[in-house]
């Protein structure tokens, strides 16, 4: 599923999320829309797997 691909991408490419991981970059890498990535990231945040901040994504 796309949410699993997003988590895998964040873990693989952004292991130390002190740097910014923009939704546009993730969408581009997954060939998905930014809106779809945004919705899935919000669901991952609700599930407690990531924490979303302004222009950054932190792994929990």
PDB file of N, CA and C in Angstrom:
ATOM      1  N   UNK A   1       0.827  -1.173   0.000  1.00  0.00           N
ATOM      2  CA  UNK A   1       0.000   0.000   0.000  1.00  0.00           C
ATOM      3  C   UNK A   1       0.881   1.249   0.000  1.00  0.00           C
ATOM      4  N   UNK A   2       0.287   2.337  -0.391  1.00  0.00           N
ATOM      5  CA  UNK A   2       1.040   3.582  -0.507  1.00  0.00           C
ATOM      6  C   UNK A   2       1.536   4.068   0.847  1.00  0.00           C
ATOM      7  N   UNK A   3       0.760   3.873   1.918  1.00  0.00           N
ATOM      8  CA  UNK A   3       1.210   4.319   3.232  1.00  0.00           C
ATOM      9  C   UNK A   3       2.456   3.563   3.681  1.00  0.00           C
ATOM     10  N   UNK A   4       2.535   2.285   3.365  1.00  0.00           N
ATOM     11  CA  UNK A   4       3.728   1.507   3.690  1.00  0.00           C
ATOM     12  C   UNK A   4       4.922   1.981   2.871  1.00  0.00           C
ATOM     13  N   UNK A   5       4.683   2.352   1.619  1.00  0.00           N
ATOM     14  CA  UNK A   5       5.756   2.869   0.774  1.00  0.00           C
ATOM     15  C   UNK A   5       6.262   4.202   1.310  1.00  0.00           C
ATOM     16  N   UNK A   6       5.359   5.026   1.807  1.00  0.00           N
ATOM     17  CA  UNK A   6       5.770   6.309   2.373  1.00  0.00           C
ATOM     18  C   UNK A   6       6.644   6.087   3.596  1.00  0.00           C
ATOM     19  N   UNK A   7       6.217   5.219   4.493  1.00  0.00           N
ATOM     20  CA  UNK A   7       7.029   4.932   5.686  1.00  0.00           C
ATOM     21  C   UNK A   7       8.387   4.386   5.307  1.00  0.00           C
ATOM     22  N   UNK A   8       8.419   3.468   4.362  1.00  0.00           N
ATOM     23  CA  UNK A   8       9.687   2.884   3.914  1.00  0.00           C
ATOM     24  C   UNK A   8      10.592   3.968   3.331  1.00  0.00           C
ATOM     25  N   UNK A   9      10.018   4.845   2.526  1.00  0.00           N
ATOM     26  CA  UNK A   9      10.795   5.921   1.927  1.00  0.00           C
ATOM     27  C   UNK A   9      11.346   6.868   2.986  1.00  0.00           C
ATOM     28  N   UNK A  10      10.519   7.233   3.952  1.00  0.00           N
ATOM     29  CA  UNK A  10      10.979   8.124   5.011  1.00  0.00           C
ATOM     30  C   UNK A  10      12.091   7.461   5.813  1.00  0.00           C
ATOM     31  N   UNK A  11      11.922   6.199   6.151  1.00  0.00           N
ATOM     32  CA  UNK A  11      12.953   5.484   6.921  1.00  0.00           C
ATOM     33  C   UNK A  11      14.251   5.327   6.133  1.00  0.00           C
ATOM     34  N   UNK A  12      14.134   5.072   4.848  1.00  0.00           N
ATOM     35  CA  UNK A  12      15.314   4.803   4.024  1.00  0.00           C
ATOM     36  C   UNK A  12      16.075   6.080   3.678  1.00  0.00           C
ATOM     37  N   UNK A  13      15.357   7.097   3.222  1.00  0.00           N
ATOM     38  CA  UNK A  13      16.011   8.299   2.728  1.00  0.00           C
ATOM     39  C   UNK A  13      16.192   9.382   3.770  1.00  0.00           C
ATOM     40  N   UNK A  14      15.422   9.332   4.829  1.00  0.00           N
ATOM     41  CA  UNK A  14      15.503  10.354   5.850  1.00  0.00           C
ATOM     42  C   UNK A  14      15.619   9.690   7.227  1.00  0.00           C
ATOM     43  N   UNK A  15      16.706   8.927   7.462  1.00  0.00           N
ATOM     44  CA  UNK A  15      16.791   8.192   8.731  1.00  0.00           C
ATOM     45  C   UNK A  15      16.886   9.108   9.948  1.00  0.00           C
ATOM     46  N   UNK A  16      17.495  10.262   9.798  1.00  0.00           N
ATOM     47  CA  UNK A  16      17.574  11.223  10.895  1.00  0.00           C
ATOM     48  C   UNK A  16      16.806  12.458  10.456  1.00  0.00           C
ATOM     49  N   UNK A  17      15.586  12.542  10.864  1.00  0.00           N
ATOM     50  CA  UNK A  17      14.699  13.572  10.332  1.00  0.00           C
ATOM     51  C   UNK A  17      14.930  14.899  11.039  1.00  0.00           C
ATOM     52  N   UNK A  18      16.181  15.267  11.211  1.00  0.00           N
ATOM     53  CA  UNK A  18      16.481  16.626  11.627  1.00  0.00           C
ATOM     54  C   UNK A  18      16.357  17.525  10.400  1.00  0.00           C
ATOM     55  N   UNK A  19      16.595  16.930   9.239  1.00  0.00           N
ATOM     56  CA  UNK A  19      16.443  17.665   7.986  1.00  0.00           C
ATOM     57  C   UNK A  19      14.987  17.637   7.549  1.00  0.00           C
ATOM     58  N   UNK A  20      14.635  18.445   6.600  1.00  0.00           N
ATOM     59  CA  UNK A  20      13.243  18.543   6.162  1.00  0.00           C
ATOM     60  C   UNK A  20      12.945  17.485   5.115  1.00  0.00           C
ATOM     61  N   UNK A  21      11.787  16.874   5.250  1.00  0.00           N
ATOM     62  CA  UNK A  21      11.312  15.895   4.272  1.00  0.00           C
ATOM     63  C   UNK A  21       9.988  16.405   3.743  1.00  0.00           C
ATOM     64  N   UNK A  22      10.008  17.088   2.639  1.00  0.00           N
ATOM     65  CA  UNK A  22       8.797  17.713   2.132  1.00  0.00           C
ATOM     66  C   UNK A  22       7.883  16.707   1.456  1.00  0.00           C
ATOM     67  N   UNK A  23       6.597  16.939   1.588  1.00  0.00           N
ATOM     68  CA  UNK A  23       5.601  16.064   0.977  1.00  0.00           C
ATOM     69  C   UNK A  23       5.758  16.014  -0.530  1.00  0.00           C
ATOM     70  N   UNK A  24       6.174  17.118  -1.132  1.00  0.00           N
ATOM     71  CA  UNK A  24       6.363  17.141  -2.577  1.00  0.00           C
ATOM     72  C   UNK A  24       7.453  16.171  -3.016  1.00  0.00           C
ATOM     73  N   UNK A  25       8.528  16.084  -2.237  1.00  0.00           N
ATOM     74  CA  UNK A  25       9.625  15.175  -2.563  1.00  0.00           C
ATOM     75  C   UNK A  25       9.160  13.721  -2.471  1.00  0.00           C
ATOM     76  N   UNK A  26       8.409  13.420  -1.434  1.00  0.00           N
ATOM     77  CA  UNK A  26       7.895  12.062  -1.266  1.00  0.00           C
ATOM     78  C   UNK A  26       6.941  11.730  -2.400  1.00  0.00           C
ATOM     79  N   UNK A  27       6.059  12.658  -2.726  1.00  0.00           N
ATOM     80  CA  UNK A  27       5.108  12.434  -3.815  1.00  0.00           C
ATOM     81  C   UNK A  27       5.841  12.196  -5.123  1.00  0.00           C
ATOM     82  N   UNK A  28       6.862  12.979  -5.388  1.00  0.00           N
ATOM     83  CA  UNK A  28       7.639  12.812  -6.617  1.00  0.00           C
ATOM     84  C   UNK A  28       8.295  11.430  -6.655  1.00  0.00           C
ATOM     85  N   UNK A  29       8.913  11.028  -5.551  1.00  0.00           N
ATOM     86  CA  UNK A  29       9.595   9.730  -5.491  1.00  0.00           C
ATOM     87  C   UNK A  29       8.633   8.568  -5.683  1.00  0.00           C
ATOM     88  N   UNK A  30       7.396   8.720  -5.219  1.00  0.00           N
ATOM     89  CA  UNK A  30       6.405   7.640  -5.313  1.00  0.00           C
ATOM     90  C   UNK A  30       5.488   7.784  -6.517  1.00  0.00           C
ATOM     91  N   UNK A  31       5.707   8.837  -7.305  1.00  0.00           N
ATOM     92  CA  UNK A  31       4.860   9.101  -8.470  1.00  0.00           C
ATOM     93  C   UNK A  31       3.386   9.187  -8.048  1.00  0.00           C
ATOM     94  N   UNK A  32       3.151   9.932  -6.983  1.00  0.00           N
ATOM     95  CA  UNK A  32       1.808  10.119  -6.442  1.00  0.00           C
ATOM     96  C   UNK A  32       1.537  11.612  -6.325  1.00  0.00           C
ATOM     97  N   UNK A  33       0.303  11.968  -6.086  1.00  0.00           N
ATOM     98  CA  UNK A  33      -0.015  13.382  -5.896  1.00  0.00           C
ATOM     99  C   UNK A  33       0.366  13.808  -4.481  1.00  0.00           C
ATOM    100  N   UNK A  34       0.661  15.093  -4.338  1.00  0.00           N
ATOM    101  CA  UNK A  34       1.000  15.615  -3.024  1.00  0.00           C
ATOM    102  C   UNK A  34      -0.184  15.494  -2.082  1.00  0.00           C
ATOM    103  N   UNK A  35      -1.389  15.656  -2.624  1.00  0.00           N
ATOM    104  CA  UNK A  35      -2.588  15.561  -1.805  1.00  0.00           C
ATOM    105  C   UNK A  35      -2.754  14.154  -1.231  1.00  0.00           C
ATOM    106  N   UNK A  36      -2.494  13.136  -2.051  1.00  0.00           N
ATOM    107  CA  UNK A  36      -2.591  11.750  -1.577  1.00  0.00           C
ATOM    108  C   UNK A  36      -1.559  11.488  -0.493  1.00  0.00           C
ATOM    109  N   UNK A  37      -0.346  11.980  -0.695  1.00  0.00           N
ATOM    110  CA  UNK A  37       0.712  11.809   0.304  1.00  0.00           C
ATOM    111  C   UNK A  37       0.324  12.528   1.589  1.00  0.00           C
ATOM    112  N   UNK A  38      -0.226  13.719   1.472  1.00  0.00           N
ATOM    113  CA  UNK A  38      -0.646  14.478   2.643  1.00  0.00           C
ATOM    114  C   UNK A  38      -1.692  13.726   3.454  1.00  0.00           C
ATOM    115  N   UNK A  39      -2.685  13.177   2.774  1.00  0.00           N
ATOM    116  CA  UNK A  39      -3.736  12.414   3.468  1.00  0.00           C
ATOM    117  C   UNK A  39      -3.163  11.182   4.163  1.00  0.00           C
ATOM    118  N   UNK A  40      -2.276  10.479   3.474  1.00  0.00           N
ATOM    119  CA  UNK A  40      -1.695   9.274   4.065  1.00  0.00           C
ATOM    120  C   UNK A  40      -0.773   9.607   5.230  1.00  0.00           C
ATOM    121  N   UNK A  41      -0.016  10.691   5.112  1.00  0.00           N
ATOM    122  CA  UNK A  41       0.832  11.095   6.226  1.00  0.00           C
ATOM    123  C   UNK A  41      -0.009  11.470   7.441  1.00  0.00           C
ATOM    124  N   UNK A  42      -1.132  12.125   7.214  1.00  0.00           N
ATOM    125  CA  UNK A  42      -2.027  12.472   8.327  1.00  0.00           C
ATOM    126  C   UNK A  42      -2.546  11.202   9.003  1.00  0.00           C
ATOM    127  N   UNK A  43      -2.865  10.188   8.206  1.00  0.00           N
ATOM    128  CA  UNK A  43      -3.325   8.915   8.772  1.00  0.00           C
ATOM    129  C   UNK A  43      -2.197   8.243   9.566  1.00  0.00           C
ATOM    130  N   UNK A  44      -0.970   8.294   9.038  1.00  0.00           N
ATOM    131  CA  UNK A  44       0.177   7.737   9.762  1.00  0.00           C
ATOM    132  C   UNK A  44       0.412   8.493  11.070  1.00  0.00           C
ATOM    133  N   UNK A  45       0.163   9.802  11.061  1.00  0.00           N
ATOM    134  CA  UNK A  45       0.293  10.579  12.290  1.00  0.00           C
ATOM    135  C   UNK A  45      -0.789  10.155  13.294  1.00  0.00           C
ATOM    136  N   UNK A  46      -2.008   9.974  12.818  1.00  0.00           N
ATOM    137  CA  UNK A  46      -3.095   9.524  13.687  1.00  0.00           C
ATOM    138  C   UNK A  46      -2.812   8.145  14.271  1.00  0.00           C
ATOM    139  N   UNK A  47      -2.086   7.313  13.522  1.00  0.00           N
ATOM    140  CA  UNK A  47      -1.710   5.974  13.991  1.00  0.00           C
ATOM    141  C   UNK A  47      -0.489   6.007  14.908  1.00  0.00           C
ATOM    142  N   UNK A  48       0.123   7.182  15.082  1.00  0.00           N
ATOM    143  CA  UNK A  48       1.261   7.326  15.975  1.00  0.00           C
ATOM    144  C   UNK A  48       2.593   6.920  15.372  1.00  0.00           C
ATOM    145  N   UNK A  49       2.673   6.790  14.058  1.00  0.00           N
ATOM    146  CA  UNK A  49       3.906   6.347  13.417  1.00  0.00           C
ATOM    147  C   UNK A  49       4.825   7.495  13.019  1.00  0.00           C
ATOM    148  N   UNK A  50       4.260   8.653  12.758  1.00  0.00           N
ATOM    149  CA  UNK A  50       5.050   9.833  12.418  1.00  0.00           C
ATOM    150  C   UNK A  50       4.470  11.041  13.140  1.00  0.00           C
ATOM    151  N   UNK A  51       5.268  12.095  13.227  1.00  0.00           N
ATOM    152  CA  UNK A  51       4.798  13.364  13.758  1.00  0.00           C
ATOM    153  C   UNK A  51       5.044  14.404  12.675  1.00  0.00           C
ATOM    154  N   UNK A  52       3.988  15.090  12.287  1.00  0.00           N
ATOM    155  CA  UNK A  52       4.094  16.083  11.233  1.00  0.00           C
ATOM    156  C   UNK A  52       4.300  17.457  11.837  1.00  0.00           C
ATOM    157  N   UNK A  53       5.235  18.184  11.271  1.00  0.00           N
ATOM    158  CA  UNK A  53       5.482  19.559  11.678  1.00  0.00           C
ATOM    159  C   UNK A  53       5.496  20.425  10.433  1.00  0.00           C
ATOM    160  N   UNK A  54       5.789  21.673  10.608  1.00  0.00           N
ATOM    161  CA  UNK A  54       5.836  22.579   9.479  1.00  0.00           C
ATOM    162  C   UNK A  54       7.039  22.211   8.599  1.00  0.00           C
ATOM    163  N   UNK A  55       6.769  21.668   7.412  1.00  0.00           N
ATOM    164  CA  UNK A  55       7.791  21.271   6.451  1.00  0.00           C
ATOM    165  C   UNK A  55       8.746  20.204   6.957  1.00  0.00           C
ATOM    166  N   UNK A  56       8.290  19.357   7.879  1.00  0.00           N
ATOM    167  CA  UNK A  56       9.143  18.255   8.316  1.00  0.00           C
ATOM    168  C   UNK A  56       8.288  17.084   8.768  1.00  0.00           C
ATOM    169  N   UNK A  57       8.913  15.923   8.774  1.00  0.00           N
ATOM    170  CA  UNK A  57       8.258  14.693   9.203  1.00  0.00           C
ATOM    171  C   UNK A  57       9.213  14.016  10.168  1.00  0.00           C
ATOM    172  N   UNK A  58       8.741  13.679  11.345  1.00  0.00           N
ATOM    173  CA  UNK A  58       9.569  12.998  12.340  1.00  0.00           C
ATOM    174  C   UNK A  58       9.031  11.591  12.527  1.00  0.00           C
ATOM    175  N   UNK A  59       9.930  10.622  12.554  1.00  0.00           N
ATOM    176  CA  UNK A  59       9.535   9.243  12.844  1.00  0.00           C
ATOM    177  C   UNK A  59       9.361   9.079  14.335  1.00  0.00           C
ATOM    178  N   UNK A  60       8.332   8.360  14.746  1.00  0.00           N
ATOM    179  CA  UNK A  60       8.123   8.067  16.178  1.00  0.00           C
ATOM    180  C   UNK A  60       8.741   6.744  16.515  1.00  0.00           C
TER     181      UNK A  60
END
